[in-house]
Amino acid sequence: MPEADCCVRGEIKQSLYTLTSTDNGTKTHLTVEINADPRGAIPKFLANIFQKSWPRKTLRGVMRQVQKPDVRPLKIIEDYFAGKSVPGIDAPGVVKTSSKDASVSSSK
């Protein structure tokens, strides 16, 4: 997203998505950890309101997307479950991603 004079860019410093198979492979437990700095003059109470609401909204959106009939597993996921070596996976079932380039915006 291009920078704009009306906004202050926040920064996602680190994110971790952990997917764990449950119920004999019929379900997946997703844990998300995000370390972000909203920057700017945002009152703490406002930042805390956002922190409480984003997980539910985001994860519901993920669930809606993966339930669509045209959604297919990525090759990297198929390779992982086929037992092939996959870059970026430190341990079985743990995929680490880096979000150094990700950003969010908020009004000044």
PDB file of N, CA and C in Angstrom:
ATOM      1  N   MET A   1       0.854  -1.176   0.000  1.00  0.00           N
ATOM      2  CA  MET A   1       0.000   0.000   0.000  1.00  0.00           C
ATOM      3  C   MET A   1       0.897   1.234   0.000  1.00  0.00           C
ATOM      4  N   PRO A   2       0.680   2.175  -0.913  1.00  0.00           N
ATOM      5  CA  PRO A   2       1.512   3.368  -0.954  1.00  0.00           C
ATOM      6  C   PRO A   2       1.306   4.244   0.285  1.00  0.00           C
ATOM      7  N   GLU A   3       2.362   4.929   0.661  1.00  0.00           N
ATOM      8  CA  GLU A   3       2.258   5.821   1.816  1.00  0.00           C
ATOM      9  C   GLU A   3       1.365   7.012   1.475  1.00  0.00           C
ATOM     10  N   ALA A   4       0.664   7.521   2.491  1.00  0.00           N
ATOM     11  CA  ALA A   4      -0.218   8.671   2.316  1.00  0.00           C
ATOM     12  C   ALA A   4      -0.025   9.620   3.490  1.00  0.00           C
ATOM     13  N   ASP A   5      -0.179  10.914   3.232  1.00  0.00           N
ATOM     14  CA  ASP A   5      -0.009  11.924   4.280  1.00  0.00           C
ATOM     15  C   ASP A   5      -1.064  11.820   5.380  1.00  0.00           C
ATOM     16  N   CYS A   6      -2.219  11.215   5.060  1.00  0.00           N
ATOM     17  CA  CYS A   6      -3.309  11.143   6.028  1.00  0.00           C
ATOM     18  C   CYS A   6      -3.139  10.007   7.035  1.00  0.00           C
ATOM     19  N   CYS A   7      -2.148   9.154   6.837  1.00  0.00           N
ATOM     20  CA  CYS A   7      -2.046   7.937   7.655  1.00  0.00           C
ATOM     21  C   CYS A   7      -0.665   7.744   8.258  1.00  0.00           C
ATOM     22  N   VAL A   8      -0.634   7.013   9.347  1.00  0.00           N
ATOM     23  CA  VAL A   8       0.614   6.596   9.973  1.00  0.00           C
ATOM     24  C   VAL A   8       0.729   5.099   9.755  1.00  0.00           C
ATOM     25  N   ARG A   9       1.861   4.647   9.270  1.00  0.00           N
ATOM     26  CA  ARG A   9       2.054   3.225   9.015  1.00  0.00           C
ATOM     27  C   ARG A   9       2.410   2.495  10.301  1.00  0.00           C
ATOM     28  N   GLY A  10       1.607   1.475  10.596  1.00  0.00           N
ATOM     29  CA  GLY A  10       1.953   0.581  11.679  1.00  0.00           C
ATOM     30  C   GLY A  10       2.911  -0.462  11.146  1.00  0.00           C
ATOM     31  N   GLU A  11       3.439  -1.283  12.028  1.00  0.00           N
ATOM     32  CA  GLU A  11       4.400  -2.299  11.611  1.00  0.00           C
ATOM     33  C   GLU A  11       4.091  -3.622  12.295  1.00  0.00           C
ATOM     34  N   ILE A  12       4.035  -4.680  11.517  1.00  0.00           N
ATOM     35  CA  ILE A  12       3.958  -6.023  12.077  1.00  0.00           C
ATOM     36  C   ILE A  12       5.388  -6.505  12.198  1.00  0.00           C
ATOM     37  N   LYS A  13       5.876  -6.614  13.421  1.00  0.00           N
ATOM     38  CA  LYS A  13       7.269  -6.967  13.650  1.00  0.00           C
ATOM     39  C   LYS A  13       7.521  -8.456  13.470  1.00  0.00           C
ATOM     40  N   GLN A  14       6.560  -9.270  13.875  1.00  0.00           N
ATOM     41  CA  GLN A  14       6.733 -10.712  13.770  1.00  0.00           C
ATOM     42  C   GLN A  14       5.358 -11.369  13.816  1.00  0.00           C
ATOM     43  N   SER A  15       5.212 -12.469  13.076  1.00  0.00           N
ATOM     44  CA  SER A  15       3.981 -13.246  13.165  1.00  0.00           C
ATOM     45  C   SER A  15       4.329 -14.723  13.116  1.00  0.00           C
ATOM     46  N   LEU A  16       3.560 -15.519  13.821  1.00  0.00           N
ATOM     47  CA  LEU A  16       3.773 -16.961  13.871  1.00  0.00           C
ATOM     48  C   LEU A  16       2.423 -17.644  13.772  1.00  0.00           C
ATOM     49  N   TYR A  17       2.274 -18.529  12.802  1.00  0.00           N
ATOM     50  CA  TYR A  17       1.060 -19.316  12.614  1.00  0.00           C
ATOM     51  C   TYR A  17       1.433 -20.769  12.867  1.00  0.00           C
ATOM     52  N   THR A  18       0.790 -21.392  13.847  1.00  0.00           N
ATOM     53  CA  THR A  18       1.052 -22.793  14.165  1.00  0.00           C
ATOM     54  C   THR A  18      -0.209 -23.590  13.896  1.00  0.00           C
ATOM     55  N   LEU A  19      -0.109 -24.568  13.000  1.00  0.00           N
ATOM     56  CA  LEU A  19      -1.232 -25.438  12.663  1.00  0.00           C
ATOM     57  C   LEU A  19      -0.935 -26.823  13.229  1.00  0.00           C
ATOM     58  N   THR A  20      -1.866 -27.340  14.029  1.00  0.00           N
ATOM     59  CA  THR A  20      -1.695 -28.641  14.656  1.00  0.00           C
ATOM     60  C   THR A  20      -2.872 -29.531  14.293  1.00  0.00           C
ATOM     61  N   SER A  21      -2.584 -30.698  13.765  1.00  0.00           N
ATOM     62  CA  SER A  21      -3.623 -31.648  13.399  1.00  0.00           C
ATOM     63  C   SER A  21      -4.257 -32.226  14.662  1.00  0.00           C
ATOM     64  N   THR A  22      -5.595 -32.333  14.663  1.00  0.00           N
ATOM     65  CA  THR A  22      -6.317 -32.917  15.788  1.00  0.00           C
ATOM     66  C   THR A  22      -7.367 -33.896  15.271  1.00  0.00           C
ATOM     67  N   ASP A  23      -7.960 -34.643  16.160  1.00  0.00           N
ATOM     68  CA  ASP A  23      -9.035 -35.580  15.820  1.00  0.00           C
ATOM     69  C   ASP A  23      -8.651 -36.486  14.652  1.00  0.00           C
ATOM     70  N   ASN A  24      -7.480 -37.119  14.779  1.00  0.00           N
ATOM     71  CA  ASN A  24      -6.990 -38.051  13.754  1.00  0.00           C
ATOM     72  C   ASN A  24      -6.927 -37.427  12.365  1.00  0.00           C
ATOM     73  N   GLY A  25      -6.514 -36.169  12.288  1.00  0.00           N
ATOM     74  CA  GLY A  25      -6.343 -35.509  11.000  1.00  0.00           C
ATOM     75  C   GLY A  25      -7.602 -34.944  10.383  1.00  0.00           C
ATOM     76  N   THR A  26      -8.713 -34.972  11.092  1.00  0.00           N
ATOM     77  CA  THR A  26      -9.958 -34.450  10.527  1.00  0.00           C
ATOM     78  C   THR A  26     -10.164 -32.972  10.843  1.00  0.00           C
ATOM     79  N   LYS A  27      -9.391 -32.434  11.794  1.00  0.00           N
ATOM     80  CA  LYS A  27      -9.499 -31.025  12.166  1.00  0.00           C
ATOM     81  C   LYS A  27      -8.106 -30.440  12.332  1.00  0.00           C
ATOM     82  N   THR A  28      -8.045 -29.114  12.313  1.00  0.00           N
ATOM     83  CA  THR A  28      -6.778 -28.414  12.501  1.00  0.00           C
ATOM     84  C   THR A  28      -6.960 -27.333  13.551  1.00  0.00           C
ATOM     85  N   HIS A  29      -6.048 -27.305  14.516  1.00  0.00           N
ATOM     86  CA  HIS A  29      -6.033 -26.250  15.529  1.00  0.00           C
ATOM     87  C   HIS A  29      -5.043 -25.195  15.053  1.00  0.00           C
ATOM     88  N   LEU A  30      -5.476 -23.935  14.964  1.00  0.00           N
ATOM     89  CA  LEU A  30      -4.642 -22.842  14.489  1.00  0.00           C
ATOM     90  C   LEU A  30      -4.365 -21.885  15.637  1.00  0.00           C
ATOM     91  N   THR A  31      -3.076 -21.628  15.877  1.00  0.00           N
ATOM     92  CA  THR A  31      -2.663 -20.645  16.869  1.00  0.00           C
ATOM     93  C   THR A  31      -1.910 -19.544  16.129  1.00  0.00           C
ATOM     94  N   VAL A  32      -2.273 -18.289  16.394  1.00  0.00           N
ATOM     95  CA  VAL A  32      -1.638 -17.157  15.731  1.00  0.00           C
ATOM     96  C   VAL A  32      -1.078 -16.224  16.789  1.00  0.00           C
ATOM     97  N   GLU A  33       0.200 -15.847  16.616  1.00  0.00           N
ATOM     98  CA  GLU A  33       0.829 -14.860  17.496  1.00  0.00           C
ATOM     99  C   GLU A  33       1.344 -13.729  16.623  1.00  0.00           C
ATOM    100  N   ILE A  34       0.977 -12.503  16.977  1.00  0.00           N
ATOM    101  CA  ILE A  34       1.385 -11.322  16.209  1.00  0.00           C
ATOM    102  C   ILE A  34       2.011 -10.301  17.154  1.00  0.00           C
ATOM    103  N   ASN A  35       3.166  -9.770  16.770  1.00  0.00           N
ATOM    104  CA  ASN A  35       3.803  -8.687  17.507  1.00  0.00           C
ATOM    105  C   ASN A  35       3.776  -7.476  16.587  1.00  0.00           C
ATOM    106  N   ALA A  36       2.946  -6.487  16.922  1.00  0.00           N
ATOM    107  CA  ALA A  36       2.767  -5.327  16.050  1.00  0.00           C
ATOM    108  C   ALA A  36       2.917  -4.025  16.831  1.00  0.00           C
ATOM    109  N   ASP A  37       3.355  -3.006  16.128  1.00  0.00           N
ATOM    110  CA  ASP A  37       3.446  -1.659  16.683  1.00  0.00           C
ATOM    111  C   ASP A  37       2.534  -0.769  15.844  1.00  0.00           C
ATOM    112  N   PRO A  38       1.406  -0.264  16.410  1.00  0.00           N
ATOM    113  CA  PRO A  38       0.489   0.548  15.611  1.00  0.00           C
ATOM    114  C   PRO A  38       1.063   1.920  15.245  1.00  0.00           C
ATOM    115  N   ARG A  39       2.073   2.348  15.974  1.00  0.00           N
ATOM    116  CA  ARG A  39       2.710   3.653  15.783  1.00  0.00           C
ATOM    117  C   ARG A  39       1.703   4.791  15.872  1.00  0.00           C
ATOM    118  N   GLY A  40       2.195   5.988  15.809  1.00  0.00           N
ATOM    119  CA  GLY A  40       1.312   7.150  15.854  1.00  0.00           C
ATOM    120  C   GLY A  40       0.765   7.399  17.243  1.00  0.00           C
ATOM    121  N   ALA A  41      -0.152   8.329  17.323  1.00  0.00           N
ATOM    122  CA  ALA A  41      -0.736   8.744  18.590  1.00  0.00           C
ATOM    123  C   ALA A  41      -2.065   8.025  18.821  1.00  0.00           C
ATOM    124  N   ILE A  42      -2.014   6.717  18.879  1.00  0.00           N
ATOM    125  CA  ILE A  42      -3.223   5.924  19.108  1.00  0.00           C
ATOM    126  C   ILE A  42      -3.309   5.628  20.599  1.00  0.00           C
ATOM    127  N   PRO A  43      -4.394   6.028  21.250  1.00  0.00           N
ATOM    128  CA  PRO A  43      -4.530   5.743  22.680  1.00  0.00           C
ATOM    129  C   PRO A  43      -4.514   4.233  22.936  1.00  0.00           C
ATOM    130  N   LYS A  44      -3.952   3.844  24.074  1.00  0.00           N
ATOM    131  CA  LYS A  44      -3.848   2.418  24.400  1.00  0.00           C
ATOM    132  C   LYS A  44      -5.206   1.724  24.409  1.00  0.00           C
ATOM    133  N   PHE A  45      -6.233   2.400  24.930  1.00  0.00           N
ATOM    134  CA  PHE A  45      -7.542   1.748  24.998  1.00  0.00           C
ATOM    135  C   PHE A  45      -8.062   1.418  23.596  1.00  0.00           C
ATOM    136  N   LEU A  46      -7.759   2.266  22.613  1.00  0.00           N
ATOM    137  CA  LEU A  46      -8.198   2.014  21.241  1.00  0.00           C
ATOM    138  C   LEU A  46      -7.416   0.849  20.627  1.00  0.00           C
ATOM    139  N   ALA A  47      -6.110   0.818  20.851  1.00  0.00           N
ATOM    140  CA  ALA A  47      -5.289  -0.289  20.361  1.00  0.00           C
ATOM    141  C   ALA A  47      -5.754  -1.602  20.995  1.00  0.00           C
ATOM    142  N   ASN A  48      -6.102  -1.568  22.277  1.00  0.00           N
ATOM    143  CA  ASN A  48      -6.559  -2.774  22.963  1.00  0.00           C
ATOM    144  C   ASN A  48      -7.896  -3.275  22.420  1.00  0.00           C
ATOM    145  N   ILE A  49      -8.785  -2.363  22.034  1.00  0.00           N
ATOM    146  CA  ILE A  49     -10.066  -2.763  21.436  1.00  0.00           C
ATOM    147  C   ILE A  49      -9.807  -3.523  20.142  1.00  0.00           C
ATOM    148  N   PHE A  50      -8.914  -2.992  19.313  1.00  0.00           N
ATOM    149  CA  PHE A  50      -8.570  -3.658  18.053  1.00  0.00           C
ATOM    150  C   PHE A  50      -7.946  -5.027  18.323  1.00  0.00           C
ATOM    151  N   GLN A  51      -7.045  -5.096  19.301  1.00  0.00           N
ATOM    152  CA  GLN A  51      -6.367  -6.360  19.612  1.00  0.00           C
ATOM    153  C   GLN A  51      -7.359  -7.432  20.038  1.00  0.00           C
ATOM    154  N   LYS A  52      -8.435  -7.038  20.686  1.00  0.00           N
ATOM    155  CA  LYS A  52      -9.419  -8.016  21.142  1.00  0.00           C
ATOM    156  C   LYS A  52     -10.325  -8.493  20.016  1.00  0.00           C
ATOM    157  N   SER A  53     -10.569  -7.650  19.006  1.00  0.00           N
ATOM    158  CA  SER A  53     -11.531  -8.017  17.965  1.00  0.00           C
ATOM    159  C   SER A  53     -10.911  -8.648  16.721  1.00  0.00           C
ATOM    160  N   TRP A  54      -9.659  -8.338  16.402  1.00  0.00           N
ATOM    161  CA  TRP A  54      -9.098  -8.826  15.139  1.00  0.00           C
ATOM    162  C   TRP A  54      -8.984 -10.340  15.071  1.00  0.00           C
ATOM    163  N   PRO A  55      -8.604 -11.056  16.134  1.00  0.00           N
ATOM    164  CA  PRO A  55      -8.444 -12.508  15.978  1.00  0.00           C
ATOM    165  C   PRO A  55      -9.732 -13.198  15.539  1.00  0.00           C
ATOM    166  N   ARG A  56     -10.826 -12.880  16.184  1.00  0.00           N
ATOM    167  CA  ARG A  56     -12.099 -13.525  15.847  1.00  0.00           C
ATOM    168  C   ARG A  56     -12.487 -13.238  14.397  1.00  0.00           C
ATOM    169  N   LYS A  57     -12.398 -11.975  13.991  1.00  0.00           N
ATOM    170  CA  LYS A  57     -12.768 -11.600  12.624  1.00  0.00           C
ATOM    171  C   LYS A  57     -11.828 -12.241  11.600  1.00  0.00           C
ATOM    172  N   THR A  58     -10.550 -12.211  11.866  1.00  0.00           N
ATOM    173  CA  THR A  58      -9.562 -12.766  10.933  1.00  0.00           C
ATOM    174  C   THR A  58      -9.710 -14.269  10.792  1.00  0.00           C
ATOM    175  N   LEU A  59      -9.823 -14.972  11.909  1.00  0.00           N
ATOM    176  CA  LEU A  59      -9.913 -16.425  11.851  1.00  0.00           C
ATOM    177  C   LEU A  59     -11.239 -16.891  11.261  1.00  0.00           C
ATOM    178  N   ARG A  60     -12.313 -16.148  11.489  1.00  0.00           N
ATOM    179  CA  ARG A  60     -13.580 -16.476  10.819  1.00  0.00           C
ATOM    180  C   ARG A  60     -13.439 -16.315   9.311  1.00  0.00           C
ATOM    181  N   GLY A  61     -12.729 -15.283   8.887  1.00  0.00           N
ATOM    182  CA  GLY A  61     -12.475 -15.076   7.464  1.00  0.00           C
ATOM    183  C   GLY A  61     -11.653 -16.210   6.869  1.00  0.00           C
ATOM    184  N   VAL A  62     -10.647 -16.677   7.600  1.00  0.00           N
ATOM    185  CA  VAL A  62      -9.842 -17.820   7.144  1.00  0.00           C
ATOM    186  C   VAL A  62     -10.728 -19.046   7.013  1.00  0.00           C
ATOM    187  N   MET A  63     -11.574 -19.286   8.000  1.00  0.00           N
ATOM    188  CA  MET A  63     -12.460 -20.454   7.955  1.00  0.00           C
ATOM    189  C   MET A  63     -13.408 -20.384   6.763  1.00  0.00           C
ATOM    190  N   ARG A  64     -13.943 -19.203   6.472  1.00  0.00           N
ATOM    191  CA  ARG A  64     -14.833 -19.054   5.305  1.00  0.00           C
ATOM    192  C   ARG A  64     -14.088 -19.353   4.011  1.00  0.00           C
ATOM    193  N   GLN A  65     -12.865 -18.876   3.921  1.00  0.00           N
ATOM    194  CA  GLN A  65     -12.093 -19.081   2.694  1.00  0.00           C
ATOM    195  C   GLN A  65     -11.766 -20.553   2.452  1.00  0.00           C
ATOM    196  N   VAL A  66     -11.324 -21.260   3.486  1.00  0.00           N
ATOM    197  CA  VAL A  66     -10.911 -22.656   3.275  1.00  0.00           C
ATOM    198  C   VAL A  66     -12.093 -23.587   3.044  1.00  0.00           C
ATOM    199  N   GLN A  67     -13.300 -23.137   3.356  1.00  0.00           N
ATOM    200  CA  GLN A  67     -14.478 -23.960   3.113  1.00  0.00           C
ATOM    201  C   GLN A  67     -15.028 -23.807   1.697  1.00  0.00           C
ATOM    202  N   LYS A  68     -14.469 -22.891   0.921  1.00  0.00           N
ATOM    203  CA  LYS A  68     -14.925 -22.698  -0.455  1.00  0.00           C
ATOM    204  C   LYS A  68     -14.506 -23.896  -1.305  1.00  0.00           C
ATOM    205  N   PRO A  69     -15.373 -24.340  -2.216  1.00  0.00           N
ATOM    206  CA  PRO A  69     -15.076 -25.532  -3.003  1.00  0.00           C
ATOM    207  C   PRO A  69     -13.888 -25.374  -3.949  1.00  0.00           C
ATOM    208  N   ASP A  70     -13.549 -24.147  -4.343  1.00  0.00           N
ATOM    209  CA  ASP A  70     -12.438 -23.964  -5.273  1.00  0.00           C
ATOM    210  C   ASP A  70     -11.082 -23.815  -4.582  1.00  0.00           C
ATOM    211  N   VAL A  71     -11.043 -23.877  -3.261  1.00  0.00           N
ATOM    212  CA  VAL A  71      -9.793 -23.749  -2.524  1.00  0.00           C
ATOM    213  C   VAL A  71      -9.100 -25.108  -2.492  1.00  0.00           C
ATOM    214  N   ARG A  72      -7.860 -25.116  -2.924  1.00  0.00           N
ATOM    215  CA  ARG A  72      -7.056 -26.338  -2.975  1.00  0.00           C
ATOM    216  C   ARG A  72      -5.812 -26.142  -2.116  1.00  0.00           C
ATOM    217  N   PRO A  73      -5.288 -27.217  -1.554  1.00  0.00           N
ATOM    218  CA  PRO A  73      -4.039 -27.094  -0.786  1.00  0.00           C
ATOM    219  C   PRO A  73      -2.888 -26.632  -1.684  1.00  0.00           C
ATOM    220  N   LEU A  74      -2.007 -25.831  -1.148  1.00  0.00           N
ATOM    221  CA  LEU A  74      -0.809 -25.432  -1.868  1.00  0.00           C
ATOM    222  C   LEU A  74       0.121 -26.638  -2.012  1.00  0.00           C
ATOM    223  N   LYS A  75       0.945 -26.619  -3.024  1.00  0.00           N
ATOM    224  CA  LYS A  75       1.874 -27.726  -3.249  1.00  0.00           C
ATOM    225  C   LYS A  75       2.786 -27.935  -2.034  1.00  0.00           C
ATOM    226  N   ILE A  76       3.214 -26.844  -1.401  1.00  0.00           N
ATOM    227  CA  ILE A  76       4.082 -26.961  -0.228  1.00  0.00           C
ATOM    228  C   ILE A  76       3.396 -27.745   0.895  1.00  0.00           C
ATOM    229  N   ILE A  77       2.091 -27.565   1.043  1.00  0.00           N
ATOM    230  CA  ILE A  77       1.333 -28.296   2.069  1.00  0.00           C
ATOM    231  C   ILE A  77       1.216 -29.768   1.677  1.00  0.00           C
ATOM    232  N   GLU A  78       0.898 -30.021   0.404  1.00  0.00           N
ATOM    233  CA  GLU A  78       0.819 -31.414  -0.055  1.00  0.00           C
ATOM    234  C   GLU A  78       2.165 -32.111   0.109  1.00  0.00           C
ATOM    235  N   ASP A  79       3.267 -31.406  -0.224  1.00  0.00           N
ATOM    236  CA  ASP A  79       4.606 -31.986  -0.064  1.00  0.00           C
ATOM    237  C   ASP A  79       4.894 -32.316   1.393  1.00  0.00           C
ATOM    238  N   TYR A  80       4.516 -31.412   2.292  1.00  0.00           N
ATOM    239  CA  TYR A  80       4.753 -31.642   3.715  1.00  0.00           C
ATOM    240  C   TYR A  80       4.051 -32.917   4.189  1.00  0.00           C
ATOM    241  N   PHE A  81       2.769 -33.046   3.842  1.00  0.00           N
ATOM    242  CA  PHE A  81       2.020 -34.211   4.291  1.00  0.00           C
ATOM    243  C   PHE A  81       2.424 -35.484   3.556  1.00  0.00           C
ATOM    244  N   ALA A  82       3.124 -35.330   2.430  1.00  0.00           N
ATOM    245  CA  ALA A  82       3.649 -36.495   1.720  1.00  0.00           C
ATOM    246  C   ALA A  82       5.017 -36.893   2.271  1.00  0.00           C
ATOM    247  N   GLY A  83       5.511 -36.152   3.269  1.00  0.00           N
ATOM    248  CA  GLY A  83       6.778 -36.481   3.907  1.00  0.00           C
ATOM    249  C   GLY A  83       7.993 -35.906   3.211  1.00  0.00           C
ATOM    250  N   LYS A  84       7.788 -34.993   2.274  1.00  0.00           N
ATOM    251  CA  LYS A  84       8.904 -34.376   1.562  1.00  0.00           C
ATOM    252  C   LYS A  84       9.469 -33.217   2.380  1.00  0.00           C
ATOM    253  N   SER A  85      10.743 -32.911   2.167  1.00  0.00           N
ATOM    254  CA  SER A  85      11.385 -31.795   2.849  1.00  0.00           C
ATOM    255  C   SER A  85      10.803 -30.485   2.333  1.00  0.00           C
ATOM    256  N   VAL A  86      10.422 -29.607   3.267  1.00  0.00           N
ATOM    257  CA  VAL A  86       9.800 -28.340   2.896  1.00  0.00           C
ATOM    258  C   VAL A  86      10.536 -27.199   3.598  1.00  0.00           C
ATOM    259  N   PRO A  87      11.082 -26.226   2.818  1.00  0.00           N
ATOM    260  CA  PRO A  87      11.755 -25.078   3.440  1.00  0.00           C
ATOM    261  C   PRO A  87      10.791 -24.277   4.309  1.00  0.00           C
ATOM    262  N   GLY A  88      11.280 -23.769   5.443  1.00  0.00           N
ATOM    263  CA  GLY A  88      10.461 -22.932   6.308  1.00  0.00           C
ATOM    264  C   GLY A  88       9.741 -23.688   7.407  1.00  0.00           C
ATOM    265  N   ILE A  89       9.870 -25.014   7.428  1.00  0.00           N
ATOM    266  CA  ILE A  89       9.225 -25.799   8.481  1.00  0.00           C
ATOM    267  C   ILE A  89      10.319 -26.302   9.418  1.00  0.00           C
ATOM    268  N   ASP A  90      10.282 -25.803  10.654  1.00  0.00           N
ATOM    269  CA  ASP A  90      11.301 -26.148  11.635  1.00  0.00           C
ATOM    270  C   ASP A  90      11.075 -27.517  12.258  1.00  0.00           C
ATOM    271  N   ALA A  91       9.826 -27.843  12.506  1.00  0.00           N
ATOM    272  CA  ALA A  91       9.503 -29.097  13.184  1.00  0.00           C
ATOM    273  C   ALA A  91       8.187 -29.602  12.614  1.00  0.00           C
ATOM    274  N   PRO A  92       7.893 -30.878  12.779  1.00  0.00           N
ATOM    275  CA  PRO A  92       6.630 -31.398  12.241  1.00  0.00           C
ATOM    276  C   PRO A  92       5.439 -30.586  12.737  1.00  0.00           C
ATOM    277  N   GLY A  93       4.657 -30.088  11.782  1.00  0.00           N
ATOM    278  CA  GLY A  93       3.434 -29.374  12.122  1.00  0.00           C
ATOM    279  C   GLY A  93       3.607 -27.911  12.456  1.00  0.00           C
ATOM    280  N   VAL A  94       4.847 -27.385  12.437  1.00  0.00           N
ATOM    281  CA  VAL A  94       5.065 -25.982  12.785  1.00  0.00           C
ATOM    282  C   VAL A  94       5.635 -25.255  11.578  1.00  0.00           C
ATOM    283  N   VAL A  95       4.902 -24.295  11.059  1.00  0.00           N
ATOM    284  CA  VAL A  95       5.350 -23.494   9.926  1.00  0.00           C
ATOM    285  C   VAL A  95       5.602 -22.089  10.433  1.00  0.00           C
ATOM    286  N   LYS A  96       6.804 -21.571  10.214  1.00  0.00           N
ATOM    287  CA  LYS A  96       7.118 -20.212  10.643  1.00  0.00           C
ATOM    288  C   LYS A  96       7.081 -19.296   9.440  1.00  0.00           C
ATOM    289  N   THR A  97       6.448 -18.140   9.602  1.00  0.00           N
ATOM    290  CA  THR A  97       6.414 -17.141   8.548  1.00  0.00           C
ATOM    291  C   THR A  97       6.939 -15.839   9.108  1.00  0.00           C
ATOM    292  N   SER A  98       7.497 -15.032   8.261  1.00  0.00           N
ATOM    293  CA  SER A  98       7.991 -13.732   8.675  1.00  0.00           C
ATOM    294  C   SER A  98       7.172 -12.660   7.990  1.00  0.00           C
ATOM    295  N   SER A  99       6.815 -11.630   8.721  1.00  0.00           N
ATOM    296  CA  SER A  99       5.986 -10.559   8.160  1.00  0.00           C
ATOM    297  C   SER A  99       6.716  -9.227   8.229  1.00  0.00           C
ATOM    298  N   LYS A 100       8.007  -9.221   7.942  1.00  0.00           N
ATOM    299  CA  LYS A 100       8.774  -7.986   8.030  1.00  0.00           C
ATOM    300  C   LYS A 100       8.257  -6.912   7.078  1.00  0.00           C
ATOM    301  N   ASP A 101       7.722  -7.328   5.921  1.00  0.00           N
ATOM    302  CA  ASP A 101       7.269  -6.362   4.938  1.00  0.00           C
ATOM    303  C   ASP A 101       5.803  -5.984   5.111  1.00  0.00           C
ATOM    304  N   ALA A 102       5.098  -6.640   6.025  1.00  0.00           N
ATOM    305  CA  ALA A 102       3.669  -6.365   6.208  1.00  0.00           C
ATOM    306  C   ALA A 102       3.490  -5.062   6.982  1.00  0.00           C
ATOM    307  N   SER A 103       2.446  -4.335   6.684  1.00  0.00           N
ATOM    308  CA  SER A 103       2.158  -3.115   7.418  1.00  0.00           C
ATOM    309  C   SER A 103       0.661  -2.894   7.500  1.00  0.00           C
ATOM    310  N   VAL A 104       0.275  -2.096   8.460  1.00  0.00           N
ATOM    311  CA  VAL A 104      -1.127  -1.703   8.607  1.00  0.00           C
ATOM    312  C   VAL A 104      -1.156  -0.184   8.694  1.00  0.00           C
ATOM    313  N   SER A 105      -2.283   0.400   8.388  1.00  0.00           N
ATOM    314  CA  SER A 105      -2.388   1.860   8.426  1.00  0.00           C
ATOM    315  C   SER A 105      -3.464   2.279   9.411  1.00  0.00           C
ATOM    316  N   SER A 106      -3.280   3.442   9.979  1.00  0.00           N
ATOM    317  CA  SER A 106      -4.291   4.018  10.854  1.00  0.00           C
ATOM    318  C   SER A 106      -4.324   5.514  10.579  1.00  0.00           C
ATOM    319  N   SER A 107      -5.477   6.139  10.786  1.00  0.00           N
ATOM    320  CA  SER A 107      -5.606   7.580  10.550  1.00  0.00           C
ATOM    321  C   SER A 107      -4.824   8.342  11.605  1.00  0.00           C
ATOM    322  N   LYS A 108      -4.283   9.477  11.222  1.00  0.00           N
ATOM    323  CA  LYS A 108      -3.548  10.322  12.177  1.00  0.00           C
ATOM    324  C   LYS A 108      -4.485  10.936  13.177  1.00  0.00           C
TER     325      LYS A 108
END
